[in-house]
Amino acid sequence: MKKEILFAHYPKANVKRYHELLGAFSNLDNAWNAQFSDFKILGWKDSTINDFLDWKKTIDEDKLINTLESEQIKCITREDDDYPSLLKNIYDPPFCLFVKGSLKNITYPLAIVGPRKYSTYGKQMAQDFASNLAKAGFSIISGLALGIDGIAHSSALDIGGKTSAVLGCGINKNNIYPSCHKQLSEKIIASGGALISEYPPNTLPNKYTFPMRNRIVAGISLGTLVIEGAEKSGALITAQCTLDYGREIFAIPQNITSPTSTGVNKLLKTGAHFVTETKDIIEILNLSEILEVTKTIDNSVDSHSTDNKILSTMSKEPMHIDIIVKKTGLNSHTVSSTLALLELSGKIRNLGSMMFVISI
């Protein structure tokens, strides 16, 4: 077993310590055979050195192998051919990944993220964008969390698309978090996707593992679409990682009165790509000639006629977005994005609770 895989099981292992060991010993094989005095060059405290050496004595390699095999978990390192190339190119890639399922279908990966507590609008946008992006050929990447993450995964699966999840915990069956997404995780694998983590089996999630998970979501993807998110939400952590890695950030129009919009609106102010349909993302990523944009993506509707169709159904009486969708016959994504633009132009007013009135 590669020493990277063994080191990943060390409770205090992280990318920083991994690079410290490489810097001092050239490779982990040398570090594994080093004595107490050899570790002094690292500047580690004596207690830290003793902790690592004591832990190393407790390793039961056969037991680790049996656990991985019984759970059908594969371990890959950065030297392996199937290590995701985009992830390998970030400045702090995991030195080891635990994978359940297949990485072969992570082609044109795009992250979709958002809060656990979402609005009706956020749910609609996550469903529409995830399904349309999956139809166009993207592999949807998210974190299997409650809320927008789960909606994005499920929406991709519902249309037969590909999706993979990055977890902030071990990916063995009885350790999936949240436990209510255990069935969803099994569907992801069955559909040809993968569960991915830098944490070994039985690792429980905590407040530190989720931000580390978010960096992998960003690093493995061509870009990140932020559906909703307050300024201090996990979605914004993923967005910041995306920017740090030089990848593209996409955001959709938001209701400025919604508490779940503050982070996204800030992203839009600071340069995130303003997108209202799947075609926008494809064009920004220069993938128009590569991805086959299917007829199911609603790109053919003329924007002017769409505006008029929506405006003609509205009046001075408040109308819910679901009624507008029903009356116009347009899909919810087209209606939602058009309403946002009409609001920006002053032609309609958003009364909150997905209620709108005409103002012209």
Protein backbone atom coordinates (compact mmCIF):
# COMPACT_ATOMS: atom_id res chain seq x y z
CA MET A 1 0.00 0.00 0.00
CA LYS A 2 1.29 3.44 -0.93
CA LYS A 3 2.49 5.48 2.00
CA GLU A 4 0.26 8.37 0.89
CA ILE A 5 -2.75 6.15 1.55
CA LEU A 6 -1.42 5.14 4.95
CA PHE A 7 -0.59 8.75 5.84
CA ALA A 8 -4.13 9.80 4.89
CA HIS A 9 -5.35 7.65 7.79
CA TYR A 10 -3.28 9.67 10.27
CA PRO A 11 -5.87 11.74 12.21
CA LYS A 12 -3.70 14.88 11.97
CA ALA A 13 -2.74 14.47 8.32
CA ASN A 14 -3.18 17.45 6.02
CA VAL A 15 -1.69 18.87 2.83
CA LYS A 16 0.67 21.15 4.76
CA ARG A 17 2.17 18.27 6.78
CA TYR A 18 2.40 16.14 3.66
CA HIS A 19 4.52 18.78 1.90
CA GLU A 20 6.65 19.23 5.01
CA LEU A 21 7.46 15.52 4.94
CA LEU A 22 8.24 15.61 1.22
CA GLY A 23 10.46 18.64 1.66
CA ALA A 24 12.48 16.98 4.39
CA PHE A 25 12.59 13.37 3.17
CA SER A 26 11.97 13.58 -0.62
CA ASN A 27 9.26 10.92 -0.40
CA LEU A 28 6.99 9.31 2.18
CA ASP A 29 8.89 6.02 2.10
CA ASN A 30 11.90 7.80 3.60
CA ALA A 31 9.69 9.61 6.09
CA TRP A 32 8.13 6.31 7.14
CA ASN A 33 11.52 4.90 8.07
CA ALA A 34 12.82 8.05 9.76
CA GLN A 35 13.70 8.18 13.46
CA PHE A 36 12.75 10.77 16.08
CA SER A 37 15.90 12.82 15.54
CA ASP A 38 15.31 12.94 11.78
CA PHE A 39 12.02 14.75 12.28
CA LYS A 40 13.70 17.65 14.07
CA ILE A 41 14.43 19.24 10.69
CA LEU A 42 10.68 19.78 10.26
CA GLY A 43 10.45 22.06 13.25
CA TRP A 44 7.70 19.91 14.71
CA LYS A 45 7.21 19.89 18.46
CA ASP A 46 8.48 16.80 20.27
CA SER A 47 4.90 15.94 21.19
CA THR A 48 3.87 16.07 17.53
CA ILE A 49 6.75 13.83 16.46
CA ASN A 50 5.96 11.33 19.20
CA ASP A 51 2.28 11.39 18.30
CA PHE A 52 3.05 10.53 14.67
CA LEU A 53 5.57 7.80 15.54
CA ASP A 54 3.21 6.27 18.12
CA TRP A 55 0.34 6.30 15.65
CA LYS A 56 2.50 4.64 12.99
CA LYS A 57 3.04 1.67 15.31
CA THR A 58 -0.70 1.06 15.57
CA ILE A 59 -1.34 0.74 11.84
CA ASP A 60 -2.85 -2.56 10.76
CA GLU A 61 -2.31 -2.43 7.01
CA ASP A 62 -4.23 -5.64 6.35
CA LYS A 63 -7.24 -4.25 8.20
CA LEU A 64 -7.12 -1.05 6.18
CA ILE A 65 -6.97 -3.01 2.94
CA ASN A 66 -9.90 -5.21 3.98
CA THR A 67 -12.01 -2.17 4.85
CA LEU A 68 -11.30 -0.50 1.52
CA GLU A 69 -11.95 -3.67 -0.47
CA SER A 70 -15.16 -4.54 1.36
CA GLU A 71 -16.49 -1.03 0.73
CA GLN A 72 -15.23 -1.04 -2.89
CA ILE A 73 -13.28 2.13 -2.22
CA LYS A 74 -10.35 2.92 -4.48
CA CYS A 75 -7.44 5.11 -3.38
CA ILE A 76 -5.64 7.26 -5.91
CA THR A 77 -2.71 9.61 -5.51
CA ARG A 78 -1.53 12.52 -7.65
CA GLU A 79 0.86 10.20 -9.47
CA ASP A 80 -2.00 8.03 -10.73
CA ASP A 81 -3.36 8.56 -14.24
CA ASP A 82 -6.97 8.70 -13.09
CA TYR A 83 -6.39 11.53 -10.60
CA PRO A 84 -8.61 14.39 -11.90
CA SER A 85 -6.41 16.69 -13.98
CA LEU A 86 -8.16 19.92 -13.01
CA LEU A 87 -7.79 19.08 -9.33
CA LYS A 88 -4.12 18.23 -9.79
CA ASN A 89 -3.49 21.75 -11.10
CA ILE A 90 -4.62 23.69 -8.00
CA TYR A 91 -2.02 24.84 -5.48
CA ASP A 92 -3.25 22.61 -2.64
CA PRO A 93 -4.56 19.37 -4.18
CA PRO A 94 -5.28 16.40 -1.89
CA PHE A 95 -2.34 14.01 -1.84
CA CYS A 96 -4.77 11.10 -1.75
CA LEU A 97 -8.37 10.63 -2.83
CA PHE A 98 -10.76 7.93 -1.69
CA VAL A 99 -13.20 7.16 -4.50
CA LYS A 100 -16.30 5.01 -4.70
CA GLY A 101 -17.68 4.65 -8.20
CA SER A 102 -16.11 5.87 -11.43
CA LEU A 103 -14.18 9.03 -12.25
CA LYS A 104 -14.35 8.33 -15.99
CA ASN A 105 -17.62 10.20 -16.37
CA ILE A 106 -16.34 13.41 -14.81
CA THR A 107 -16.12 15.13 -18.19
CA TYR A 108 -16.72 18.87 -18.40
CA PRO A 109 -17.28 19.06 -14.62
CA LEU A 110 -19.23 22.06 -13.36
CA ALA A 111 -19.95 22.75 -9.70
CA ILE A 112 -23.39 23.83 -8.54
CA VAL A 113 -23.57 25.07 -4.97
CA GLY A 114 -25.98 26.84 -2.65
CA PRO A 115 -27.35 26.89 0.88
CA ARG A 116 -29.03 24.16 2.88
CA LYS A 117 -31.96 26.49 3.53
CA TYR A 118 -33.09 27.66 0.11
CA SER A 119 -35.91 29.71 -1.36
CA THR A 120 -38.53 28.50 -3.83
CA TYR A 121 -36.69 30.46 -6.49
CA GLY A 122 -33.40 28.82 -5.54
CA LYS A 123 -34.91 25.37 -5.82
CA GLN A 124 -36.31 26.15 -9.27
CA MET A 125 -33.02 27.55 -10.50
CA ALA A 126 -31.03 24.60 -9.15
CA GLN A 127 -33.39 22.14 -10.83
CA ASP A 128 -33.42 23.94 -14.16
CA PHE A 129 -29.72 24.67 -14.41
CA ALA A 130 -28.60 21.24 -13.16
CA SER A 131 -30.87 19.37 -15.55
CA ASN A 132 -30.06 21.57 -18.55
CA LEU A 133 -26.32 21.56 -17.88
CA ALA A 134 -26.40 17.77 -17.53
CA LYS A 135 -28.36 17.49 -20.79
CA ALA A 136 -25.73 19.64 -22.48
CA GLY A 137 -22.97 17.23 -21.45
CA PHE A 138 -21.64 18.63 -18.19
CA SER A 139 -20.96 16.44 -15.18
CA ILE A 140 -22.58 18.12 -12.18
CA ILE A 141 -20.33 18.38 -9.12
CA SER A 142 -21.59 19.23 -5.65
CA GLY A 143 -21.19 18.32 -1.99
CA LEU A 144 -24.15 15.98 -1.26
CA ALA A 145 -25.32 18.39 1.43
CA LEU A 146 -28.94 19.10 2.25
CA GLY A 147 -30.55 21.81 0.16
CA ILE A 148 -29.20 23.00 -3.18
CA ASP A 149 -26.44 20.35 -3.33
CA GLY A 150 -28.92 17.49 -3.12
CA ILE A 151 -31.30 19.18 -5.56
CA ALA A 152 -28.48 19.61 -8.10
CA HIS A 153 -27.44 15.95 -7.84
CA SER A 154 -31.03 14.69 -8.06
CA SER A 155 -31.94 16.94 -10.99
CA ALA A 156 -28.98 15.68 -13.02
CA LEU A 157 -29.90 12.07 -12.24
CA ASP A 158 -33.56 12.62 -13.12
CA ILE A 159 -32.72 13.35 -16.75
CA GLY A 160 -30.12 10.58 -17.02
CA GLY A 161 -27.15 12.92 -16.62
CA LYS A 162 -23.89 12.45 -14.77
CA THR A 163 -23.10 13.79 -11.33
CA SER A 164 -20.47 13.18 -8.67
CA ALA A 165 -20.32 14.21 -5.02
CA VAL A 166 -17.43 15.39 -2.87
CA LEU A 167 -17.88 14.59 0.81
CA GLY A 168 -16.39 16.08 3.96
CA CYS A 169 -16.29 12.68 5.65
CA GLY A 170 -15.45 9.05 4.94
CA ILE A 171 -17.39 7.54 2.04
CA ASN A 172 -18.06 4.09 3.48
CA LYS A 173 -21.74 3.15 3.40
CA ASN A 174 -22.54 3.64 7.09
CA ASN A 175 -20.67 6.94 7.30
CA ILE A 176 -22.43 8.94 4.57
CA TYR A 177 -23.39 12.43 5.73
CA PRO A 178 -26.12 13.49 5.80
CA SER A 179 -27.53 10.01 6.39
CA CYS A 180 -30.76 10.94 4.61
CA HIS A 181 -28.72 11.19 1.39
CA LYS A 182 -27.43 7.64 1.62
CA GLN A 183 -29.88 6.52 -1.07
CA LEU A 184 -28.93 9.50 -3.24
CA SER A 185 -25.26 8.56 -2.90
CA GLU A 186 -26.06 5.04 -4.09
CA LYS A 187 -27.94 6.43 -7.10
CA ILE A 188 -24.94 8.58 -8.00
CA ILE A 189 -22.68 5.54 -8.05
CA ALA A 190 -25.22 3.40 -9.93
CA SER A 191 -25.54 6.09 -12.61
CA GLY A 192 -21.81 6.04 -13.34
CA GLY A 193 -20.77 8.87 -11.05
CA ALA A 194 -18.54 8.85 -7.99
CA LEU A 195 -18.31 9.70 -4.33
CA ILE A 196 -15.01 11.45 -3.60
CA SER A 197 -13.27 12.37 -0.36
CA GLU A 198 -9.78 13.04 0.92
CA TYR A 199 -10.81 11.46 4.21
CA PRO A 200 -10.48 7.72 4.92
CA PRO A 201 -13.41 5.46 5.85
CA ASN A 202 -15.16 6.17 9.16
CA THR A 203 -13.96 9.79 9.30
CA LEU A 204 -16.78 11.87 10.77
CA PRO A 205 -17.53 15.35 9.41
CA ASN A 206 -16.75 18.45 11.44
CA LYS A 207 -16.54 22.21 10.98
CA TYR A 208 -13.06 21.88 9.46
CA THR A 209 -13.76 19.11 6.94
CA PHE A 210 -16.51 20.98 5.10
CA PRO A 211 -14.37 23.95 3.96
CA MET A 212 -11.71 21.46 2.83
CA ARG A 213 -14.42 19.59 0.92
CA ASN A 214 -15.49 22.84 -0.71
CA ARG A 215 -12.01 23.46 -2.12
CA ILE A 216 -12.15 20.06 -3.87
CA VAL A 217 -15.58 20.87 -5.32
CA ALA A 218 -14.07 24.05 -6.77
CA GLY A 219 -10.76 22.51 -7.78
CA ILE A 220 -12.21 19.56 -9.67
CA SER A 221 -14.51 21.79 -11.75
CA LEU A 222 -14.20 24.10 -14.75
CA GLY A 223 -16.25 26.66 -12.88
CA THR A 224 -18.82 27.11 -10.14
CA LEU A 225 -22.44 28.18 -10.44
CA VAL A 226 -23.69 29.75 -7.20
CA ILE A 227 -27.48 29.43 -6.98
CA GLU A 228 -28.00 31.28 -3.70
CA GLY A 229 -26.02 32.08 -0.59
CA ALA A 230 -25.58 34.54 2.22
CA GLU A 231 -22.22 36.28 2.56
CA LYS A 232 -20.81 33.79 5.09
CA SER A 233 -22.30 30.62 3.61
CA GLY A 234 -20.40 27.53 2.53
CA ALA A 235 -21.35 28.31 -1.06
CA LEU A 236 -19.34 31.52 -0.84
CA ILE A 237 -16.35 29.57 0.50
CA THR A 238 -16.53 27.41 -2.62
CA ALA A 239 -16.83 30.55 -4.73
CA GLN A 240 -13.73 32.05 -3.13
CA CYS A 241 -11.78 28.84 -3.77
CA THR A 242 -12.94 28.96 -7.39
CA LEU A 243 -11.56 32.47 -7.75
CA ASP A 244 -8.32 31.51 -6.00
CA TYR A 245 -7.84 28.70 -8.52
CA GLY A 246 -8.45 30.97 -11.49
CA ARG A 247 -11.69 29.28 -12.49
CA GLU A 248 -14.95 30.87 -13.61
CA ILE A 249 -17.70 31.99 -11.20
CA PHE A 250 -21.29 32.10 -12.42
CA ALA A 251 -24.26 33.62 -10.60
CA ILE A 252 -27.91 34.12 -11.45
CA PRO A 253 -30.15 37.17 -10.88
CA GLN A 254 -31.35 37.44 -7.29
CA ASN A 255 -34.15 39.04 -5.31
CA ILE A 256 -32.32 41.77 -3.38
CA THR A 257 -34.73 41.44 -0.45
CA SER A 258 -33.97 37.76 0.12
CA PRO A 259 -31.52 36.84 2.91
CA THR A 260 -30.16 34.06 0.71
CA SER A 261 -29.19 36.53 -2.01
CA THR A 262 -26.64 38.77 -0.27
CA GLY A 263 -23.61 36.63 -1.03
CA VAL A 264 -24.54 36.06 -4.67
CA ASN A 265 -25.29 39.72 -5.26
CA LYS A 266 -21.88 40.55 -3.81
CA LEU A 267 -20.30 38.08 -6.24
CA LEU A 268 -22.10 39.76 -9.13
CA LYS A 269 -20.85 43.16 -7.99
CA THR A 270 -17.27 41.91 -7.85
CA GLY A 271 -17.15 40.30 -11.28
CA ALA A 272 -18.97 36.97 -11.27
CA HIS A 273 -20.50 36.12 -14.63
CA PHE A 274 -24.18 37.11 -14.77
CA VAL A 275 -26.00 34.14 -16.30
CA THR A 276 -29.66 33.55 -17.06
CA GLU A 277 -29.47 30.36 -19.11
CA THR A 278 -27.27 27.36 -19.73
CA LYS A 279 -26.04 28.79 -23.03
CA ASP A 280 -24.33 31.63 -21.15
CA ILE A 281 -22.15 29.20 -19.22
CA ILE A 282 -21.31 27.17 -22.32
CA GLU A 283 -20.23 30.30 -24.21
CA ILE A 284 -18.17 31.73 -21.35
CA LEU A 285 -16.29 28.43 -21.08
CA ASN A 286 -15.78 28.41 -24.88
CA LEU A 287 -17.45 25.02 -25.19
CA SER A 288 -20.09 25.88 -27.78
CA GLU A 289 -18.40 23.86 -30.52
CA ILE A 290 -17.65 20.92 -28.22
CA LEU A 291 -20.84 20.39 -26.28
CA GLU A 292 -23.99 19.48 -28.11
CA VAL A 293 -26.61 21.89 -26.87
CA THR A 294 -29.85 19.90 -27.19
CA LYS A 295 -33.29 21.14 -28.09
CA THR A 296 -34.35 20.68 -24.49
CA ILE A 297 -32.42 23.81 -23.53
CA ASP A 298 -34.70 26.76 -24.01
CA ASN A 299 -32.40 28.94 -26.08
CA SER A 300 -34.65 29.46 -29.07
CA VAL A 301 -37.18 31.79 -27.45
CA ASP A 302 -36.66 35.36 -28.56
CA SER A 303 -36.03 37.52 -25.50
CA HIS A 304 -38.30 40.34 -26.70
CA SER A 305 -41.26 38.03 -27.32
CA THR A 306 -40.64 36.35 -23.97
CA ASP A 307 -40.78 39.71 -22.20
CA ASN A 308 -44.04 40.57 -23.94
CA LYS A 309 -45.58 37.17 -23.25
CA ILE A 310 -44.89 37.50 -19.53
CA LEU A 311 -45.93 41.16 -19.33
CA SER A 312 -49.19 40.43 -21.14
CA THR A 313 -50.22 37.98 -18.42
CA MET A 314 -49.55 40.41 -15.57
CA SER A 315 -51.53 43.30 -14.10
CA LYS A 316 -51.56 45.59 -11.08
CA GLU A 317 -52.83 42.63 -9.06
CA PRO A 318 -50.10 40.50 -7.41
CA MET A 319 -49.41 37.27 -9.26
CA HIS A 320 -47.37 34.28 -8.08
CA ILE A 321 -44.59 33.01 -10.31
CA ASP A 322 -46.25 29.58 -10.59
CA ILE A 323 -49.33 31.24 -12.11
CA ILE A 324 -47.14 33.12 -14.59
CA VAL A 325 -45.45 29.85 -15.60
CA LYS A 326 -48.84 28.20 -16.09
CA LYS A 327 -50.32 31.09 -18.09
CA THR A 328 -47.33 31.61 -20.39
CA GLY A 329 -46.45 27.97 -20.94
CA LEU A 330 -42.76 28.85 -20.50
CA ASN A 331 -40.48 26.79 -18.28
CA SER A 332 -39.82 28.04 -14.76
CA HIS A 333 -36.16 28.86 -15.49
CA THR A 334 -37.07 31.15 -18.40
CA VAL A 335 -39.82 32.86 -16.40
CA SER A 336 -37.64 33.34 -13.31
CA SER A 337 -34.68 34.81 -15.18
CA THR A 338 -36.91 37.04 -17.35
CA LEU A 339 -38.77 38.34 -14.29
CA ALA A 340 -35.45 39.25 -12.71
CA LEU A 341 -34.43 41.23 -15.79
CA LEU A 342 -37.84 42.91 -16.04
CA GLU A 343 -37.51 43.91 -12.40
CA LEU A 344 -34.08 45.40 -13.06
CA SER A 345 -35.52 47.40 -15.96
CA GLY A 346 -38.31 48.74 -13.74
CA LYS A 347 -41.14 47.12 -15.71
CA ILE A 348 -42.34 44.96 -12.83
CA ARG A 349 -42.03 44.95 -9.05
CA ASN A 350 -41.14 42.01 -6.84
CA LEU A 351 -43.38 42.00 -3.76
CA GLY A 352 -41.58 39.11 -2.09
CA SER A 353 -42.80 35.53 -1.57
CA MET A 354 -42.50 35.04 -5.36
CA MET A 355 -45.31 37.57 -6.00
CA PHE A 356 -45.00 40.13 -8.82
CA VAL A 357 -46.98 43.09 -10.18
CA ILE A 358 -46.63 45.13 -13.33
CA SER A 359 -45.37 48.68 -12.87
CA ILE A 360 -45.76 50.12 -16.38
